[in-house]
N, C-alpha and C. Protein backbone atom coordinates (compact mmCIF):
# COMPACT_ATOMS: atom_id res chain seq x y z
N MET A 1 47.12 89.11 36.55
CA MET A 1 47.62 89.99 37.58
C MET A 1 46.32 89.95 38.58
N LEU A 2 46.67 89.81 39.87
CA LEU A 2 45.64 89.99 40.90
C LEU A 2 45.65 91.28 41.51
N VAL A 3 44.31 91.71 41.63
CA VAL A 3 43.99 93.07 42.44
C VAL A 3 43.68 92.67 43.76
N GLN A 4 44.28 93.19 44.71
CA GLN A 4 43.88 92.81 46.10
C GLN A 4 43.48 94.15 46.91
N LYS A 5 42.51 94.40 47.47
CA LYS A 5 42.22 95.54 48.30
C LYS A 5 41.37 95.25 49.48
N THR A 6 41.64 95.98 50.52
CA THR A 6 40.99 95.78 51.86
C THR A 6 40.04 96.83 52.19
N ASN A 7 39.26 96.63 53.30
CA ASN A 7 38.51 97.64 53.95
C ASN A 7 37.44 98.49 52.91
N ILE A 8 36.84 97.83 52.20
CA ILE A 8 36.02 98.28 51.13
C ILE A 8 34.85 98.82 51.68
N LEU A 9 33.99 97.98 52.54
CA LEU A 9 32.78 98.49 52.97
C LEU A 9 32.90 98.94 54.42
N SER A 10 31.95 99.92 54.70
CA SER A 10 31.99 100.19 56.15
C SER A 10 31.68 99.09 57.21
N PRO A 11 32.17 99.19 58.33
CA PRO A 11 31.98 98.19 59.37
C PRO A 11 30.33 97.81 59.44
N THR A 12 29.48 98.97 59.55
CA THR A 12 28.13 98.68 59.76
C THR A 12 27.50 98.07 58.60
N LEU A 13 27.74 98.42 57.31
CA LEU A 13 27.32 97.67 56.01
C LEU A 13 27.68 96.22 56.01
N LEU A 14 29.02 95.91 56.33
CA LEU A 14 29.53 94.68 56.38
C LEU A 14 28.86 93.89 57.22
N GLN A 15 28.43 94.31 58.41
CA GLN A 15 27.77 93.50 59.39
C GLN A 15 26.40 93.23 59.05
N THR A 16 25.66 94.21 58.30
CA THR A 16 24.25 94.20 57.88
C THR A 16 24.26 93.11 56.93
N ILE A 17 25.22 93.03 56.05
CA ILE A 17 25.22 92.04 54.95
C ILE A 17 25.44 90.65 55.52
N ASN A 18 26.43 90.47 56.56
CA ASN A 18 26.59 89.37 57.14
C ASN A 18 25.37 88.68 57.82
N ASP A 19 24.69 89.51 58.61
CA ASP A 19 23.44 89.20 59.33
C ASP A 19 22.52 88.70 58.50
N CYS A 20 22.23 89.54 57.33
CA CYS A 20 21.15 89.00 56.38
C CYS A 20 21.51 87.59 55.86
N MET A 21 22.78 87.40 55.43
CA MET A 21 23.08 86.07 54.77
C MET A 21 22.88 84.95 56.07
N THR A 22 23.20 85.32 57.09
CA THR A 22 23.43 84.09 58.27
C THR A 22 22.39 84.18 59.30
N LYS A 23 21.60 85.12 59.39
CA LYS A 23 20.55 85.20 60.43
C LYS A 23 19.17 85.46 59.90
N ASN A 24 18.94 85.73 58.56
CA ASN A 24 17.76 85.91 57.97
C ASN A 24 17.07 84.79 57.47
N SER A 25 16.01 84.28 58.03
CA SER A 25 15.53 82.89 57.40
C SER A 25 14.89 82.98 55.96
N ASP A 26 14.64 84.34 55.52
CA ASP A 26 13.97 84.61 54.34
C ASP A 26 15.31 84.52 53.08
N PHE A 27 16.49 84.55 53.62
CA PHE A 27 17.77 84.58 52.71
C PHE A 27 17.90 83.10 52.25
N LYS A 28 17.57 82.56 51.06
CA LYS A 28 17.48 81.10 50.79
C LYS A 28 18.78 80.91 50.11
N TRP A 29 19.41 79.59 50.56
CA TRP A 29 20.57 79.04 49.97
C TRP A 29 20.08 77.73 49.32
N SER A 30 20.67 77.66 47.91
CA SER A 30 20.46 76.39 47.12
C SER A 30 21.53 75.47 47.18
N LEU A 31 21.32 74.14 47.21
CA LEU A 31 22.27 73.20 47.28
C LEU A 31 23.04 73.06 45.75
N VAL A 32 24.29 73.12 45.92
CA VAL A 32 25.05 72.78 44.59
C VAL A 32 26.03 71.45 44.89
N ASN A 33 25.66 70.50 44.08
CA ASN A 33 26.19 69.21 44.29
C ASN A 33 27.79 69.34 43.98
N ASN A 34 28.24 70.09 43.17
CA ASN A 34 29.65 70.26 42.71
C ASN A 34 30.14 71.77 42.80
N THR A 35 30.81 72.13 43.73
CA THR A 35 31.08 73.53 43.86
C THR A 35 31.71 74.24 42.56
N ALA A 36 32.62 73.47 42.10
CA ALA A 36 33.25 74.08 40.76
C ALA A 36 32.44 73.84 39.46
N GLY A 37 31.40 73.06 39.49
CA GLY A 37 30.48 72.85 38.64
C GLY A 37 30.78 71.43 37.88
N ASP A 38 29.95 70.77 37.43
CA ASP A 38 30.10 69.41 36.86
C ASP A 38 31.32 69.25 35.81
N GLU A 39 31.61 70.23 34.98
CA GLU A 39 32.68 70.20 34.14
C GLU A 39 33.97 70.03 34.74
N TYR A 40 34.07 70.72 35.89
CA TYR A 40 35.52 70.93 36.60
C TYR A 40 35.77 69.96 37.72
N SER A 41 34.64 69.61 38.38
CA SER A 41 34.85 68.83 39.67
C SER A 41 35.73 67.57 39.58
N ILE A 42 36.55 67.36 40.67
CA ILE A 42 37.32 66.28 40.73
C ILE A 42 36.73 65.20 41.58
N ASP A 43 35.82 65.59 42.52
CA ASP A 43 35.13 64.69 43.23
C ASP A 43 33.73 65.50 43.70
N GLU A 44 32.87 64.80 44.40
CA GLU A 44 31.71 65.67 44.81
C GLU A 44 32.18 66.51 46.11
N ALA A 45 31.99 67.84 45.88
CA ALA A 45 32.32 68.83 46.73
C ALA A 45 31.05 69.83 46.87
N PRO A 46 30.02 69.34 47.77
CA PRO A 46 28.90 70.19 47.73
C PRO A 46 28.92 71.41 48.51
N SER A 47 28.18 72.37 48.16
CA SER A 47 28.08 73.60 48.93
C SER A 47 26.90 74.39 48.59
N PHE A 48 26.73 75.62 48.94
CA PHE A 48 25.42 76.19 48.92
C PHE A 48 25.71 77.62 48.15
N SER A 49 24.69 77.95 47.34
CA SER A 49 24.81 79.37 46.61
C SER A 49 23.42 80.05 46.71
N HIS A 50 23.67 81.41 46.52
CA HIS A 50 22.56 82.38 46.39
C HIS A 50 22.64 83.18 45.17
N LEU A 51 21.95 83.21 44.23
CA LEU A 51 22.26 83.84 43.05
C LEU A 51 21.53 85.34 43.15
N ILE A 52 22.35 86.26 43.08
CA ILE A 52 21.80 87.74 43.04
C ILE A 52 21.48 88.40 41.70
N PHE A 53 22.33 88.18 40.69
CA PHE A 53 22.23 88.69 39.31
C PHE A 53 22.50 87.69 38.27
N SER A 54 21.66 87.58 37.22
CA SER A 54 21.99 86.50 36.22
C SER A 54 21.34 86.89 35.08
N LYS A 55 22.02 86.72 34.00
CA LYS A 55 21.35 86.86 32.53
C LYS A 55 20.80 88.39 32.35
N GLY A 56 21.47 89.24 32.93
CA GLY A 56 21.14 90.60 32.79
C GLY A 56 20.07 91.17 33.60
N GLN A 57 19.72 90.45 34.56
CA GLN A 57 18.67 91.00 35.45
C GLN A 57 18.92 90.48 36.96
N PRO A 58 18.35 91.17 38.07
CA PRO A 58 18.41 90.83 39.21
C PRO A 58 17.41 89.52 39.47
N VAL A 59 17.80 88.51 40.18
CA VAL A 59 17.11 87.26 40.44
C VAL A 59 16.79 87.09 42.04
N SER A 60 17.36 87.87 42.88
CA SER A 60 17.27 87.64 44.25
C SER A 60 16.32 88.80 44.77
N PRO A 61 15.46 88.53 45.76
CA PRO A 61 14.66 89.49 46.51
C PRO A 61 15.51 90.42 47.41
N PHE A 62 16.98 90.18 47.37
CA PHE A 62 17.81 90.99 48.27
C PHE A 62 18.64 91.88 47.29
N TRP A 63 18.22 91.80 46.08
CA TRP A 63 19.02 92.70 45.16
C TRP A 63 19.28 94.20 45.51
N ASP A 64 18.27 94.94 45.99
CA ASP A 64 18.37 96.30 46.46
C ASP A 64 19.50 96.49 47.53
N LEU A 65 19.49 95.49 48.36
CA LEU A 65 20.42 95.61 49.51
C LEU A 65 21.87 95.41 49.01
N PHE A 66 21.92 94.38 48.10
CA PHE A 66 23.23 94.02 47.51
C PHE A 66 23.80 94.95 46.47
N THR A 67 22.84 95.86 45.78
CA THR A 67 23.37 96.80 45.02
C THR A 67 24.29 97.83 45.76
N GLY A 68 24.07 98.05 46.92
CA GLY A 68 24.77 98.99 47.68
C GLY A 68 26.22 98.46 48.21
N VAL A 69 26.44 97.16 47.84
CA VAL A 69 27.61 96.50 48.16
C VAL A 69 28.43 96.22 46.84
N ILE A 70 27.70 95.64 45.84
CA ILE A 70 28.34 95.29 44.52
C ILE A 70 29.03 96.66 44.02
N LEU A 71 28.39 97.73 43.79
CA LEU A 71 29.05 98.81 43.14
C LEU A 71 30.11 99.28 43.71
N PRO A 72 30.29 99.59 45.20
CA PRO A 72 31.43 100.02 45.77
C PRO A 72 32.64 99.01 45.64
N ILE A 73 32.22 97.73 45.59
CA ILE A 73 33.24 96.79 45.41
C ILE A 73 33.96 96.74 43.95
N VAL A 74 33.14 96.85 43.10
CA VAL A 74 33.57 96.96 41.67
C VAL A 74 34.31 98.16 41.47
N ASP A 75 34.09 99.36 41.97
CA ASP A 75 34.55 100.74 41.93
C ASP A 75 36.01 100.53 42.70
N ALA A 76 35.89 100.03 43.71
CA ALA A 76 37.14 99.83 44.55
C ALA A 76 38.24 99.00 43.73
N SER A 77 37.84 98.06 42.92
CA SER A 77 38.79 97.08 42.27
C SER A 77 39.61 97.91 41.07
N GLU A 78 39.03 99.04 40.70
CA GLU A 78 39.59 99.96 39.68
C GLU A 78 39.76 99.23 38.44
N MET A 79 39.00 98.05 38.29
CA MET A 79 39.04 97.29 36.92
C MET A 79 37.99 97.89 36.01
N PRO A 80 38.35 97.89 34.76
CA PRO A 80 37.30 98.35 33.66
C PRO A 80 36.13 97.75 33.83
N PHE A 81 34.86 98.33 33.95
CA PHE A 81 33.63 97.88 33.93
C PHE A 81 32.64 98.38 32.95
N GLN A 82 31.98 97.35 32.22
CA GLN A 82 30.94 97.75 31.23
C GLN A 82 29.64 97.32 31.73
N GLN A 83 29.40 95.80 32.14
CA GLN A 83 28.21 95.45 32.49
C GLN A 83 28.46 94.13 33.25
N LEU A 84 27.40 93.91 34.20
CA LEU A 84 27.48 92.77 35.04
C LEU A 84 27.08 91.51 34.29
N ARG A 85 27.61 90.38 34.36
CA ARG A 85 27.17 89.10 33.85
C ARG A 85 26.45 88.24 34.97
N ARG A 86 27.11 88.17 36.23
CA ARG A 86 26.45 87.37 37.23
C ARG A 86 27.01 87.77 38.45
N VAL A 87 26.25 87.74 39.62
CA VAL A 87 26.67 88.00 41.05
C VAL A 87 26.06 86.67 41.83
N LYS A 88 26.95 86.04 42.38
CA LYS A 88 26.65 84.80 42.98
C LYS A 88 27.34 84.76 44.38
N ILE A 89 26.61 84.39 45.44
CA ILE A 89 27.24 84.29 46.82
C ILE A 89 27.37 82.79 46.87
N GLY A 90 28.48 82.32 47.39
CA GLY A 90 28.85 80.82 47.71
C GLY A 90 29.05 80.62 49.16
N LEU A 91 28.47 79.69 49.65
CA LEU A 91 28.74 79.16 51.10
C LEU A 91 29.37 77.81 51.05
N ILE A 92 30.58 77.65 51.58
CA ILE A 92 30.99 76.19 51.82
C ILE A 92 31.13 75.95 53.18
N THR A 93 30.57 74.80 53.72
CA THR A 93 30.75 74.45 55.16
C THR A 93 32.04 73.62 55.61
N LYS A 94 32.20 73.79 56.92
CA LYS A 94 33.40 73.11 57.33
C LYS A 94 33.24 71.68 57.16
N ARG A 95 34.50 71.03 56.69
CA ARG A 95 34.84 69.67 56.61
C ARG A 95 35.78 69.25 57.48
N ASP A 96 35.96 67.75 57.63
CA ASP A 96 36.97 67.21 58.64
C ASP A 96 38.22 67.45 58.17
N LYS A 97 38.41 67.51 56.69
CA LYS A 97 39.65 67.86 56.20
C LYS A 97 39.42 68.68 54.95
N LYS A 98 40.62 69.38 54.69
CA LYS A 98 40.53 70.37 53.56
C LYS A 98 40.22 69.63 52.18
N VAL A 99 39.25 70.21 51.45
CA VAL A 99 38.90 69.56 50.14
C VAL A 99 39.05 70.74 49.05
N GLU A 100 39.94 70.54 48.31
CA GLU A 100 40.05 71.69 47.13
C GLU A 100 39.21 71.29 46.07
N GLN A 101 38.31 72.25 45.72
CA GLN A 101 37.27 72.06 44.52
C GLN A 101 38.33 72.04 43.20
N GLY A 102 37.60 71.58 42.26
CA GLY A 102 38.34 71.56 40.81
C GLY A 102 38.80 73.17 40.29
N ALA A 103 40.00 73.11 39.76
CA ALA A 103 40.38 74.37 39.10
C ALA A 103 39.51 74.67 37.99
N HIS A 104 38.85 75.87 37.89
CA HIS A 104 37.88 76.22 36.90
C HIS A 104 37.90 77.69 36.47
N VAL A 105 37.22 78.01 35.48
CA VAL A 105 36.87 79.41 35.17
C VAL A 105 35.47 79.58 35.12
N ASP A 106 34.91 80.68 35.25
CA ASP A 106 33.46 80.76 35.58
C ASP A 106 32.63 80.81 34.16
N TYR A 107 33.38 81.45 33.16
CA TYR A 107 32.71 81.58 31.77
C TYR A 107 33.70 81.23 30.62
N HIS A 108 33.37 80.75 29.46
CA HIS A 108 34.26 80.51 28.41
C HIS A 108 34.39 81.59 27.51
N GLU A 109 33.86 82.79 27.97
CA GLU A 109 34.05 84.00 27.21
C GLU A 109 34.82 84.90 27.92
N PRO A 110 35.41 86.01 27.27
CA PRO A 110 36.22 86.91 28.23
C PRO A 110 35.31 87.59 29.12
N HIS A 111 35.96 87.75 30.33
CA HIS A 111 35.23 88.31 31.48
C HIS A 111 36.30 88.64 32.56
N LYS A 112 35.91 89.40 33.48
CA LYS A 112 36.62 89.69 34.82
C LYS A 112 35.80 89.13 35.92
N THR A 113 36.58 88.78 37.06
CA THR A 113 36.02 88.28 38.20
C THR A 113 36.53 89.06 39.52
N ILE A 114 35.71 89.19 40.31
CA ILE A 114 36.02 89.80 41.64
C ILE A 114 35.44 88.76 42.83
N LEU A 115 36.36 88.35 43.64
CA LEU A 115 35.63 87.57 44.81
C LEU A 115 35.69 88.47 45.99
N PHE A 116 34.73 88.49 46.78
CA PHE A 116 34.83 89.40 47.92
C PHE A 116 34.38 88.51 49.15
N TYR A 117 35.29 88.73 50.05
CA TYR A 117 35.15 87.86 51.33
C TYR A 117 34.39 88.70 52.43
N PHE A 118 33.50 88.06 53.01
CA PHE A 118 32.61 88.64 53.94
C PHE A 118 33.21 88.45 55.42
N HIS A 119 33.85 87.46 55.71
CA HIS A 119 34.52 87.24 56.97
C HIS A 119 35.73 86.40 56.83
N ASP A 120 36.52 86.25 57.98
CA ASP A 120 37.78 85.62 57.99
C ASP A 120 37.37 84.18 58.00
N SER A 121 38.12 83.34 57.11
CA SER A 121 37.82 81.80 57.02
C SER A 121 39.28 81.27 56.68
N ASP A 122 39.30 79.90 56.96
CA ASP A 122 40.53 79.14 56.53
C ASP A 122 40.14 78.47 55.18
N GLY A 123 39.03 78.65 54.60
CA GLY A 123 38.90 78.03 53.27
C GLY A 123 39.49 78.87 52.10
N ASP A 124 40.69 78.57 51.74
CA ASP A 124 41.63 79.20 50.90
C ASP A 124 41.09 79.38 49.46
N THR A 125 41.43 80.38 48.71
CA THR A 125 41.13 80.26 47.21
C THR A 125 42.62 80.10 46.67
N ILE A 126 42.65 79.38 45.70
CA ILE A 126 43.86 78.91 45.05
C ILE A 126 43.92 79.42 43.53
N PHE A 127 44.91 80.20 43.17
CA PHE A 127 44.87 80.74 41.84
C PHE A 127 46.06 79.77 41.07
N TYR A 128 45.94 79.65 39.84
CA TYR A 128 46.80 78.81 39.21
C TYR A 128 47.39 79.48 38.02
N LYS A 129 48.69 79.15 37.49
CA LYS A 129 49.22 79.77 36.48
C LYS A 129 48.45 79.63 35.06
N GLU A 130 47.81 78.73 34.93
CA GLU A 130 47.25 78.28 33.57
C GLU A 130 45.94 79.35 33.55
N LYS A 131 45.80 79.64 32.04
CA LYS A 131 44.71 80.45 31.83
C LYS A 131 43.86 79.68 30.67
N PHE A 132 42.59 79.97 30.64
CA PHE A 132 41.59 79.31 29.83
C PHE A 132 41.96 79.71 28.39
N ASP A 133 42.16 78.97 27.41
CA ASP A 133 42.18 79.17 26.01
C ASP A 133 41.02 78.55 25.23
N PRO A 134 40.17 79.37 24.58
CA PRO A 134 39.04 78.87 23.83
C PRO A 134 39.55 77.96 22.66
N LEU A 135 40.62 78.09 22.22
CA LEU A 135 41.09 77.23 21.19
C LEU A 135 41.81 75.98 21.62
N LYS A 136 41.92 75.70 22.92
CA LYS A 136 42.63 74.51 23.31
C LYS A 136 41.69 73.93 24.37
N SER A 137 42.08 72.54 24.59
CA SER A 137 41.24 71.87 25.69
C SER A 137 41.69 72.27 26.96
N GLN A 138 41.08 71.92 28.02
CA GLN A 138 41.42 72.18 29.46
C GLN A 138 42.79 71.51 29.81
N PRO A 139 43.51 72.33 30.56
CA PRO A 139 44.86 71.65 31.05
C PRO A 139 44.35 70.35 31.91
N LYS A 140 45.26 69.50 31.94
CA LYS A 140 45.18 68.14 32.71
C LYS A 140 45.79 68.46 34.07
N LYS A 141 46.97 69.25 34.07
CA LYS A 141 47.54 69.42 35.34
C LYS A 141 47.62 71.06 35.55
N PHE A 142 47.52 71.44 36.87
CA PHE A 142 47.63 72.82 37.25
C PHE A 142 48.59 73.18 38.09
N THR A 143 49.30 74.39 37.92
CA THR A 143 50.46 74.74 38.82
C THR A 143 49.91 75.85 39.71
N LYS A 144 49.98 75.79 41.09
CA LYS A 144 49.49 76.63 41.93
C LYS A 144 50.48 77.90 41.85
N GLU A 145 49.93 79.15 41.67
CA GLU A 145 50.67 80.42 41.64
C GLU A 145 50.40 81.10 42.85
N LYS A 146 49.29 81.20 43.53
CA LYS A 146 49.00 81.95 44.70
C LYS A 146 47.84 81.33 45.53
N THR A 147 47.88 81.45 46.87
CA THR A 147 47.01 81.01 47.67
C THR A 147 46.53 82.20 48.58
N ILE A 148 45.18 82.31 48.62
CA ILE A 148 44.80 83.57 49.47
C ILE A 148 43.73 83.18 50.43
N THR A 149 44.18 83.42 51.70
CA THR A 149 43.24 83.00 52.92
C THR A 149 42.15 84.19 52.93
N PRO A 150 40.95 83.77 52.94
CA PRO A 150 39.81 84.77 53.00
C PRO A 150 39.90 85.76 54.35
N LYS A 151 40.01 86.94 54.07
CA LYS A 151 39.87 88.13 55.19
C LYS A 151 38.70 88.87 54.95
N ALA A 152 37.91 89.26 56.02
CA ALA A 152 36.83 90.10 55.87
C ALA A 152 37.15 91.36 55.28
N ASN A 153 36.14 91.67 54.40
CA ASN A 153 36.07 92.96 53.60
C ASN A 153 37.22 93.20 52.71
N THR A 154 37.58 92.18 52.03
CA THR A 154 38.66 92.14 50.99
C THR A 154 38.24 91.74 49.83
N LEU A 155 38.58 92.20 48.84
CA LEU A 155 38.38 91.82 47.42
C LEU A 155 39.73 91.42 46.67
N ILE A 156 39.47 90.28 45.68
CA ILE A 156 40.49 89.88 44.88
C ILE A 156 39.79 90.03 43.49
N GLY A 157 40.46 90.84 42.41
CA GLY A 157 39.99 90.85 41.30
C GLY A 157 41.00 90.29 40.33
N PHE A 158 40.69 89.62 39.32
CA PHE A 158 41.54 88.89 38.26
C PHE A 158 40.78 88.77 36.83
N ASP A 159 41.63 88.42 35.93
CA ASP A 159 41.14 88.11 34.73
C ASP A 159 40.33 86.71 34.81
N GLY A 160 39.14 86.79 34.45
CA GLY A 160 38.13 85.66 34.68
C GLY A 160 38.72 84.45 33.76
N TRP A 161 39.74 84.45 32.99
CA TRP A 161 40.22 83.21 32.48
C TRP A 161 41.33 82.70 33.05
N GLN A 162 41.67 83.15 34.27
CA GLN A 162 42.49 82.46 35.15
C GLN A 162 41.96 81.36 36.03
N TYR A 163 42.53 80.25 35.90
CA TYR A 163 42.00 79.13 36.57
C TYR A 163 42.16 79.36 38.16
N HIS A 164 41.11 79.18 38.94
CA HIS A 164 41.03 79.21 40.39
C HIS A 164 40.10 78.06 41.04
N SER A 165 40.43 77.86 42.28
CA SER A 165 39.60 77.04 43.03
C SER A 165 39.25 77.52 44.40
N SER A 166 38.30 77.00 45.08
CA SER A 166 37.99 77.34 46.41
C SER A 166 38.37 76.09 47.16
N SER A 167 38.46 76.16 48.53
CA SER A 167 38.69 75.06 49.42
C SER A 167 37.78 75.13 50.52
N SER A 168 37.46 73.98 51.20
CA SER A 168 36.60 73.97 52.33
C SER A 168 37.44 74.40 53.62
N PRO A 169 36.74 75.07 54.51
CA PRO A 169 37.47 75.45 55.84
C PRO A 169 37.45 74.09 56.61
N VAL A 170 38.43 74.05 57.54
CA VAL A 170 38.49 73.02 58.57
C VAL A 170 38.44 73.44 60.00
N LYS A 171 38.81 74.65 60.12
CA LYS A 171 38.71 75.32 61.44
C LYS A 171 37.41 76.25 61.70
N ASN A 172 37.09 77.15 60.69
CA ASN A 172 35.86 77.90 60.66
C ASN A 172 34.60 77.17 60.34
N GLY A 173 33.53 77.54 60.74
CA GLY A 173 32.40 76.90 60.60
C GLY A 173 31.84 76.90 59.04
N HIS A 174 32.37 78.09 58.49
CA HIS A 174 31.93 78.27 56.84
C HIS A 174 32.89 79.28 56.39
N ARG A 175 32.55 79.44 55.07
CA ARG A 175 33.35 80.28 54.13
C ARG A 175 32.19 80.92 53.26
N ILE A 176 32.11 82.26 53.31
CA ILE A 176 30.96 82.95 52.38
C ILE A 176 31.83 83.86 51.49
N VAL A 177 31.50 83.84 50.25
CA VAL A 177 32.35 84.54 49.36
C VAL A 177 31.27 84.96 48.16
N MET A 178 31.42 86.29 47.84
CA MET A 178 30.60 86.79 46.75
C MET A 178 31.50 86.89 45.39
N ASN A 179 30.87 86.24 44.36
CA ASN A 179 31.52 86.25 43.01
C ASN A 179 30.90 87.04 42.11
N ILE A 180 31.68 88.14 41.69
CA ILE A 180 30.97 88.99 40.71
C ILE A 180 31.73 88.97 39.21
N ASN A 181 31.02 88.44 38.32
CA ASN A 181 31.47 88.45 36.97
C ASN A 181 31.00 89.51 36.10
N PHE A 182 31.98 90.23 35.45
CA PHE A 182 31.51 91.25 34.54
C PHE A 182 32.48 91.44 33.36
N VAL A 183 32.18 92.34 32.38
CA VAL A 183 32.68 92.58 31.18
C VAL A 183 33.02 94.05 31.32
């Protein structure tokens, strides 16, 4: 079941975060050769990421700023929350044609995921009917269940074992999404 909610952050906070990610030269992006990860990639689909929180601790110098964003987003989802696993921001740039990254799950342990869209973009997120099962191998084929076009200030919450994928924008210059994984 997908949870979708809009208008989570104030316009001023949303703009401040967007400016931080796109206009601040101290906000560093790292190249990711395969957006969905090597295990799930169908072809090379590079993107960029900025890790905020990992392995039980903040890892970004911008942690304090993002705390004021992450907690309201998790609260607004109304999904049960115990502890953060990871918070990562992904940036996919415009391509000549739409490229869908491989269907994947973020962890092979039970978890929940929230995607938060910072701006409007045509780089859709695709959700599939298949769910990860630790006792079985990964499905060879996936059936699209729902496609969501990123809209600014919107969260999508779901069971972390639901296969999903991102896609590259072809009209907008980029797609920036925060991925929050938690238990």
